Amino acid sequence: MSEFWIYFQIGLKHVLDIHAYDHVLFLIALTVPYTFKDWKRILLLVSVFTIGHTLALLLSVFGIVAVKVSLVEFLIPITILITAFYHLFTAGKAAKNDGLNLIFFVTLFFGIIHGLGFSNYFKTILGGTATSKLVPLGEFALGIEAAQLVVVFVVLVLSYIVQTVFRFSKRDWALVMSAFIVGVVIPMIVESPIWNR
């Protein structure tokens, strides 16, 4: 049980680390247009992101995929920017809730990119063979999922407060938060090491 807790905590800290807030920014960008009544769709989106993240780690652990760190570090803020822009341009429009659509596949792809960003560190903290890393990988993924649900819950509570107490419309809340995220992410892209070739 103690080993489970170690990797579960690493997953929690990976998402909730104040110094590595890109994961939280992505979750905010992903969640901002939704409310508590959309909990099933949000849970599915977050889980799809975790699946992509875990798939990337799995491919990396088995040596199937290796990507330059500078490229991944550049792509992570790009994924956040795309998500925020999407919600900027679709704020206030009725969402199609029918089955898996483009947003789910994009979220899966973005999860893969974010997972690749953590893959080198993850491989260094785990010793042994690739197959011996499967159980810790699952424990880590559970920690990520739990932390993401905490972030999503906080965003939904803030959304509820802003929309009920301060009388922001759902559209205005999505616009303001998406614009805020764009403002935070653009400097991350500009300062990316990929430009220093």
C-alpha atoms as a PDB file:
ATOM      1  CA  MET A   1       0.000   0.000   0.000  1.00  0.00           C
ATOM      2  CA  SER A   2       2.863   2.391   0.757  1.00  0.00           C
ATOM      3  CA  GLU A   3       4.271   1.976  -2.778  1.00  0.00           C
ATOM      4  CA  PHE A   4       0.824   2.726  -4.178  1.00  0.00           C
ATOM      5  CA  TRP A   5       0.689   5.908  -2.117  1.00  0.00           C
ATOM      6  CA  ILE A   6       4.163   7.004  -3.299  1.00  0.00           C
ATOM      7  CA  TYR A   7       3.268   6.880  -7.002  1.00  0.00           C
ATOM      8  CA  PHE A   8      -0.248   8.184  -6.378  1.00  0.00           C
ATOM      9  CA  GLN A   9       1.283  11.216  -4.624  1.00  0.00           C
ATOM     10  CA  ILE A  10       3.736  11.743  -7.480  1.00  0.00           C
ATOM     11  CA  GLY A  11       0.711  11.877  -9.815  1.00  0.00           C
ATOM     12  CA  LEU A  12      -1.050  14.338  -7.504  1.00  0.00           C
ATOM     13  CA  LYS A  13       2.011  16.561  -7.261  1.00  0.00           C
ATOM     14  CA  HIS A  14       2.616  16.400 -11.005  1.00  0.00           C
ATOM     15  CA  VAL A  15      -0.704  18.158 -11.600  1.00  0.00           C
ATOM     16  CA  LEU A  16      -0.891  20.347  -8.488  1.00  0.00           C
ATOM     17  CA  ASP A  17       2.717  21.607  -8.535  1.00  0.00           C
ATOM     18  CA  ILE A  18       2.595  25.409  -8.247  1.00  0.00           C
ATOM     19  CA  HIS A  19       5.819  25.715 -10.275  1.00  0.00           C
ATOM     20  CA  ALA A  20       4.540  23.566 -13.148  1.00  0.00           C
ATOM     21  CA  TYR A  21       1.154  25.180 -13.640  1.00  0.00           C
ATOM     22  CA  ASP A  22       0.787  24.292 -17.335  1.00  0.00           C
ATOM     23  CA  HIS A  23      -1.306  21.244 -16.439  1.00  0.00           C
ATOM     24  CA  VAL A  24      -3.662  23.357 -14.317  1.00  0.00           C
ATOM     25  CA  LEU A  25      -3.922  25.965 -17.075  1.00  0.00           C
ATOM     26  CA  PHE A  26      -4.929  23.279 -19.554  1.00  0.00           C
ATOM     27  CA  LEU A  27      -7.576  21.936 -17.168  1.00  0.00           C
ATOM     28  CA  ILE A  28      -8.960  25.427 -16.609  1.00  0.00           C
ATOM     29  CA  ALA A  29      -9.074  26.027 -20.364  1.00  0.00           C
ATOM     30  CA  LEU A  30     -10.786  22.665 -20.853  1.00  0.00           C
ATOM     31  CA  THR A  31     -13.347  23.133 -18.064  1.00  0.00           C
ATOM     32  CA  VAL A  32     -14.226  26.830 -18.264  1.00  0.00           C
ATOM     33  CA  PRO A  33     -17.266  26.564 -20.581  1.00  0.00           C
ATOM     34  CA  TYR A  34     -18.944  23.898 -18.437  1.00  0.00           C
ATOM     35  CA  THR A  35     -21.056  23.854 -15.269  1.00  0.00           C
ATOM     36  CA  PHE A  36     -21.877  21.193 -12.684  1.00  0.00           C
ATOM     37  CA  LYS A  37     -24.736  19.901 -14.822  1.00  0.00           C
ATOM     38  CA  ASP A  38     -22.138  18.899 -17.440  1.00  0.00           C
ATOM     39  CA  TRP A  39     -20.297  16.645 -14.963  1.00  0.00           C
ATOM     40  CA  LYS A  40     -20.495  13.504 -17.118  1.00  0.00           C
ATOM     41  CA  ARG A  41     -18.955  15.239 -20.128  1.00  0.00           C
ATOM     42  CA  ILE A  42     -16.257  16.840 -17.946  1.00  0.00           C
ATOM     43  CA  LEU A  43     -15.424  13.522 -16.292  1.00  0.00           C
ATOM     44  CA  LEU A  44     -15.115  11.916 -19.709  1.00  0.00           C
ATOM     45  CA  LEU A  45     -12.879  14.725 -21.022  1.00  0.00           C
ATOM     46  CA  VAL A  46     -10.604  14.572 -17.966  1.00  0.00           C
ATOM     47  CA  SER A  47     -10.402  10.785 -18.201  1.00  0.00           C
ATOM     48  CA  VAL A  48      -9.606  10.956 -21.933  1.00  0.00           C
ATOM     49  CA  PHE A  49      -6.805  13.408 -21.123  1.00  0.00           C
ATOM     50  CA  THR A  50      -5.467  11.014 -18.446  1.00  0.00           C
ATOM     51  CA  ILE A  51      -5.614   8.121 -20.909  1.00  0.00           C
ATOM     52  CA  GLY A  52      -3.578  10.132 -23.428  1.00  0.00           C
ATOM     53  CA  HIS A  53      -1.107  11.163 -20.733  1.00  0.00           C
ATOM     54  CA  THR A  54      -0.712   7.561 -19.555  1.00  0.00           C
ATOM     55  CA  LEU A  55      -0.437   6.237 -23.113  1.00  0.00           C
ATOM     56  CA  ALA A  56       2.453   8.633 -23.782  1.00  0.00           C
ATOM     57  CA  LEU A  57       4.241   7.473 -20.635  1.00  0.00           C
ATOM     58  CA  LEU A  58       3.650   3.845 -21.597  1.00  0.00           C
ATOM     59  CA  LEU A  59       5.052   4.374 -25.103  1.00  0.00           C
ATOM     60  CA  SER A  60       8.028   6.171 -23.619  1.00  0.00           C
ATOM     61  CA  VAL A  61       8.724   3.536 -20.940  1.00  0.00           C
ATOM     62  CA  PHE A  62       8.782   0.798 -23.600  1.00  0.00           C
ATOM     63  CA  GLY A  63      11.031   2.918 -25.832  1.00  0.00           C
ATOM     64  CA  ILE A  64       8.480   3.145 -28.655  1.00  0.00           C
ATOM     65  CA  VAL A  65       8.360   6.950 -28.676  1.00  0.00           C
ATOM     66  CA  ALA A  66      11.107   9.440 -27.927  1.00  0.00           C
ATOM     67  CA  VAL A  67      10.606  13.140 -28.558  1.00  0.00           C
ATOM     68  CA  LYS A  68      12.946  16.075 -28.059  1.00  0.00           C
ATOM     69  CA  VAL A  69      12.197  17.762 -24.740  1.00  0.00           C
ATOM     70  CA  SER A  70      12.377  21.253 -26.263  1.00  0.00           C
ATOM     71  CA  LEU A  71       9.710  20.322 -28.839  1.00  0.00           C
ATOM     72  CA  VAL A  72       7.359  18.938 -26.186  1.00  0.00           C
ATOM     73  CA  GLU A  73       7.953  21.940 -23.927  1.00  0.00           C
ATOM     74  CA  PHE A  74       6.925  24.116 -26.879  1.00  0.00           C
ATOM     75  CA  LEU A  75       3.874  22.014 -27.772  1.00  0.00           C
ATOM     76  CA  ILE A  76       2.421  21.965 -24.240  1.00  0.00           C
ATOM     77  CA  PRO A  77       1.616  25.706 -24.136  1.00  0.00           C
ATOM     78  CA  ILE A  78       0.435  25.447 -27.756  1.00  0.00           C
ATOM     79  CA  THR A  79      -2.170  22.857 -26.649  1.00  0.00           C
ATOM     80  CA  ILE A  80      -3.318  25.215 -23.900  1.00  0.00           C
ATOM     81  CA  LEU A  81      -3.489  28.124 -26.350  1.00  0.00           C
ATOM     82  CA  ILE A  82      -5.532  26.129 -28.871  1.00  0.00           C
ATOM     83  CA  THR A  83      -7.978  25.036 -26.163  1.00  0.00           C
ATOM     84  CA  ALA A  84      -8.372  28.601 -24.860  1.00  0.00           C
ATOM     85  CA  PHE A  85      -8.834  29.988 -28.388  1.00  0.00           C
ATOM     86  CA  TYR A  86     -11.418  27.320 -29.126  1.00  0.00           C
ATOM     87  CA  HIS A  87     -13.459  28.435 -26.133  1.00  0.00           C
ATOM     88  CA  LEU A  88     -12.938  32.103 -26.988  1.00  0.00           C
ATOM     89  CA  PHE A  89     -14.542  31.549 -30.372  1.00  0.00           C
ATOM     90  CA  THR A  90     -17.260  29.150 -29.225  1.00  0.00           C
ATOM     91  CA  ALA A  91     -18.272  30.869 -25.965  1.00  0.00           C
ATOM     92  CA  GLY A  92     -22.032  31.122 -25.660  1.00  0.00           C
ATOM     93  CA  LYS A  93     -22.724  28.728 -28.515  1.00  0.00           C
ATOM     94  CA  ALA A  94     -24.668  25.577 -27.786  1.00  0.00           C
ATOM     95  CA  ALA A  95     -22.384  22.582 -27.298  1.00  0.00           C
ATOM     96  CA  LYS A  96     -23.151  19.363 -29.086  1.00  0.00           C
ATOM     97  CA  ASN A  97     -23.345  16.667 -26.444  1.00  0.00           C
ATOM     98  CA  ASP A  98     -23.770  13.783 -28.832  1.00  0.00           C
ATOM     99  CA  GLY A  99     -21.091  11.154 -28.355  1.00  0.00           C
ATOM    100  CA  LEU A 100     -17.421  11.482 -29.100  1.00  0.00           C
ATOM    101  CA  ASN A 101     -16.648  14.474 -31.225  1.00  0.00           C
ATOM    102  CA  LEU A 102     -13.554  16.400 -32.207  1.00  0.00           C
ATOM    103  CA  ILE A 103     -12.952  17.824 -28.717  1.00  0.00           C
ATOM    104  CA  PHE A 104     -12.479  14.310 -27.281  1.00  0.00           C
ATOM    105  CA  PHE A 105      -9.903  13.333 -29.900  1.00  0.00           C
ATOM    106  CA  VAL A 106      -8.092  16.646 -29.494  1.00  0.00           C
ATOM    107  CA  THR A 107      -8.098  16.175 -25.700  1.00  0.00           C
ATOM    108  CA  LEU A 108      -6.630  12.678 -26.132  1.00  0.00           C
ATOM    109  CA  PHE A 109      -3.897  14.055 -28.412  1.00  0.00           C
ATOM    110  CA  PHE A 110      -3.161  16.880 -25.966  1.00  0.00           C
ATOM    111  CA  GLY A 111      -2.950  14.329 -23.144  1.00  0.00           C
ATOM    112  CA  ILE A 112      -0.323  12.459 -25.164  1.00  0.00           C
ATOM    113  CA  ILE A 113       1.710  15.649 -25.629  1.00  0.00           C
ATOM    114  CA  HIS A 114       1.526  16.489 -21.919  1.00  0.00           C
ATOM    115  CA  GLY A 115       2.516  12.915 -21.040  1.00  0.00           C
ATOM    116  CA  LEU A 116       5.553  13.114 -23.295  1.00  0.00           C
ATOM    117  CA  GLY A 117       6.618  16.208 -21.380  1.00  0.00           C
ATOM    118  CA  PHE A 118       6.822  14.156 -18.178  1.00  0.00           C
ATOM    119  CA  SER A 119       8.146  10.927 -19.684  1.00  0.00           C
ATOM    120  CA  ASN A 120      11.879  11.533 -19.177  1.00  0.00           C
ATOM    121  CA  TYR A 121      11.437  12.339 -15.497  1.00  0.00           C
ATOM    122  CA  PHE A 122       9.064   9.430 -15.005  1.00  0.00           C
ATOM    123  CA  LYS A 123      11.571   6.991 -16.499  1.00  0.00           C
ATOM    124  CA  THR A 124      14.321   8.273 -14.183  1.00  0.00           C
ATOM    125  CA  ILE A 125      12.311   7.790 -10.975  1.00  0.00           C
ATOM    126  CA  LEU A 126      11.462   4.190 -11.851  1.00  0.00           C
ATOM    127  CA  GLY A 127      14.084   1.501 -11.933  1.00  0.00           C
ATOM    128  CA  GLY A 128      13.836  -1.981 -13.345  1.00  0.00           C
ATOM    129  CA  THR A 129      12.428  -3.343 -16.555  1.00  0.00           C
ATOM    130  CA  ALA A 130       9.711  -1.741 -18.627  1.00  0.00           C
ATOM    131  CA  THR A 131       7.126  -4.318 -17.496  1.00  0.00           C
ATOM    132  CA  SER A 132       7.930  -3.694 -13.814  1.00  0.00           C
ATOM    133  CA  LYS A 133       6.926  -0.060 -14.386  1.00  0.00           C
ATOM    134  CA  LEU A 134       3.336  -0.901 -15.388  1.00  0.00           C
ATOM    135  CA  VAL A 135       1.860  -1.033 -11.867  1.00  0.00           C
ATOM    136  CA  PRO A 136       3.568   2.204 -10.735  1.00  0.00           C
ATOM    137  CA  LEU A 137       2.384   3.795 -13.992  1.00  0.00           C
ATOM    138  CA  GLY A 138      -1.210   2.846 -13.137  1.00  0.00           C
ATOM    139  CA  GLU A 139      -0.810   4.225  -9.605  1.00  0.00           C
ATOM    140  CA  PHE A 140       0.651   7.424 -11.016  1.00  0.00           C
ATOM    141  CA  ALA A 141      -2.262   7.703 -13.489  1.00  0.00           C
ATOM    142  CA  LEU A 142      -4.763   7.395 -10.623  1.00  0.00           C
ATOM    143  CA  GLY A 143      -2.976  10.240  -8.837  1.00  0.00           C
ATOM    144  CA  ILE A 144      -3.152  12.368 -11.981  1.00  0.00           C
ATOM    145  CA  GLU A 145      -6.858  11.639 -12.415  1.00  0.00           C
ATOM    146  CA  ALA A 146      -7.610  12.496  -8.756  1.00  0.00           C
ATOM    147  CA  ALA A 147      -5.644  15.763  -8.940  1.00  0.00           C
ATOM    148  CA  GLN A 148      -7.326  16.728 -12.205  1.00  0.00           C
ATOM    149  CA  LEU A 149     -10.741  16.150 -10.650  1.00  0.00           C
ATOM    150  CA  VAL A 150      -9.753  18.427  -7.748  1.00  0.00           C
ATOM    151  CA  VAL A 151      -8.759  21.183 -10.198  1.00  0.00           C
ATOM    152  CA  VAL A 152     -11.949  20.723 -12.207  1.00  0.00           C
ATOM    153  CA  PHE A 153     -14.073  20.845  -9.045  1.00  0.00           C
ATOM    154  CA  VAL A 154     -12.405  24.106  -7.966  1.00  0.00           C
ATOM    155  CA  VAL A 155     -12.950  25.629 -11.432  1.00  0.00           C
ATOM    156  CA  LEU A 156     -16.621  24.584 -11.365  1.00  0.00           C
ATOM    157  CA  VAL A 157     -17.103  26.064  -7.878  1.00  0.00           C
ATOM    158  CA  LEU A 158     -15.492  29.342  -8.999  1.00  0.00           C
ATOM    159  CA  SER A 159     -17.651  29.290 -12.110  1.00  0.00           C
ATOM    160  CA  TYR A 160     -20.765  28.798 -10.010  1.00  0.00           C
ATOM    161  CA  ILE A 161     -19.828  31.651  -7.644  1.00  0.00           C
ATOM    162  CA  VAL A 162     -18.977  34.045 -10.474  1.00  0.00           C
ATOM    163  CA  GLN A 163     -22.174  33.228 -12.356  1.00  0.00           C
ATOM    164  CA  THR A 164     -24.555  33.310  -9.383  1.00  0.00           C
ATOM    165  CA  VAL A 165     -23.068  35.841  -6.933  1.00  0.00           C
ATOM    166  CA  PHE A 166     -21.433  38.226  -9.403  1.00  0.00           C
ATOM    167  CA  ARG A 167     -24.006  37.615 -12.174  1.00  0.00           C
ATOM    168  CA  PHE A 168     -21.514  36.895 -14.956  1.00  0.00           C
ATOM    169  CA  SER A 169     -23.104  35.081 -17.850  1.00  0.00           C
ATOM    170  CA  LYS A 170     -21.679  31.680 -18.742  1.00  0.00           C
ATOM    171  CA  ARG A 171     -20.444  33.201 -22.005  1.00  0.00           C
ATOM    172  CA  ASP A 172     -18.687  36.125 -20.265  1.00  0.00           C
ATOM    173  CA  TRP A 173     -17.028  33.778 -17.756  1.00  0.00           C
ATOM    174  CA  ALA A 174     -15.710  31.592 -20.598  1.00  0.00           C
ATOM    175  CA  LEU A 175     -14.467  34.662 -22.509  1.00  0.00           C
ATOM    176  CA  VAL A 176     -12.696  36.237 -19.527  1.00  0.00           C
ATOM    177  CA  MET A 177     -11.008  33.015 -18.390  1.00  0.00           C
ATOM    178  CA  SER A 178     -10.015  32.000 -21.918  1.00  0.00           C
ATOM    179  CA  ALA A 179      -8.533  35.450 -22.554  1.00  0.00           C
ATOM    180  CA  PHE A 180      -6.667  35.250 -19.225  1.00  0.00           C
ATOM    181  CA  ILE A 181      -5.216  31.859 -20.179  1.00  0.00           C
ATOM    182  CA  VAL A 182      -4.155  33.177 -23.604  1.00  0.00           C
ATOM    183  CA  GLY A 183      -2.392  36.055 -21.824  1.00  0.00           C
ATOM    184  CA  VAL A 184      -0.512  33.667 -19.536  1.00  0.00           C
ATOM    185  CA  VAL A 185       0.407  31.142 -22.250  1.00  0.00           C
ATOM    186  CA  ILE A 186       1.737  33.473 -24.961  1.00  0.00           C
ATOM    187  CA  PRO A 187       4.824  34.437 -22.882  1.00  0.00           C
ATOM    188  CA  MET A 188       5.432  30.711 -22.240  1.00  0.00           C
ATOM    189  CA  ILE A 189       5.486  30.148 -26.009  1.00  0.00           C
ATOM    190  CA  VAL A 190       7.686  33.179 -26.685  1.00  0.00           C
ATOM    191  CA  GLU A 191      10.190  32.125 -23.974  1.00  0.00           C
ATOM    192  CA  SER A 192      10.274  28.498 -25.156  1.00  0.00           C
ATOM    193  CA  PRO A 193      13.759  27.001 -25.576  1.00  0.00           C
ATOM    194  CA  ILE A 194      12.783  25.834 -29.075  1.00  0.00           C
ATOM    195  CA  TRP A 195      13.552  29.332 -30.401  1.00  0.00           C
ATOM    196  CA  ASN A 196      17.185  29.033 -29.191  1.00  0.00           C
ATOM    197  CA  ARG A 197      18.545  26.687 -31.849  1.00  0.00           C
END
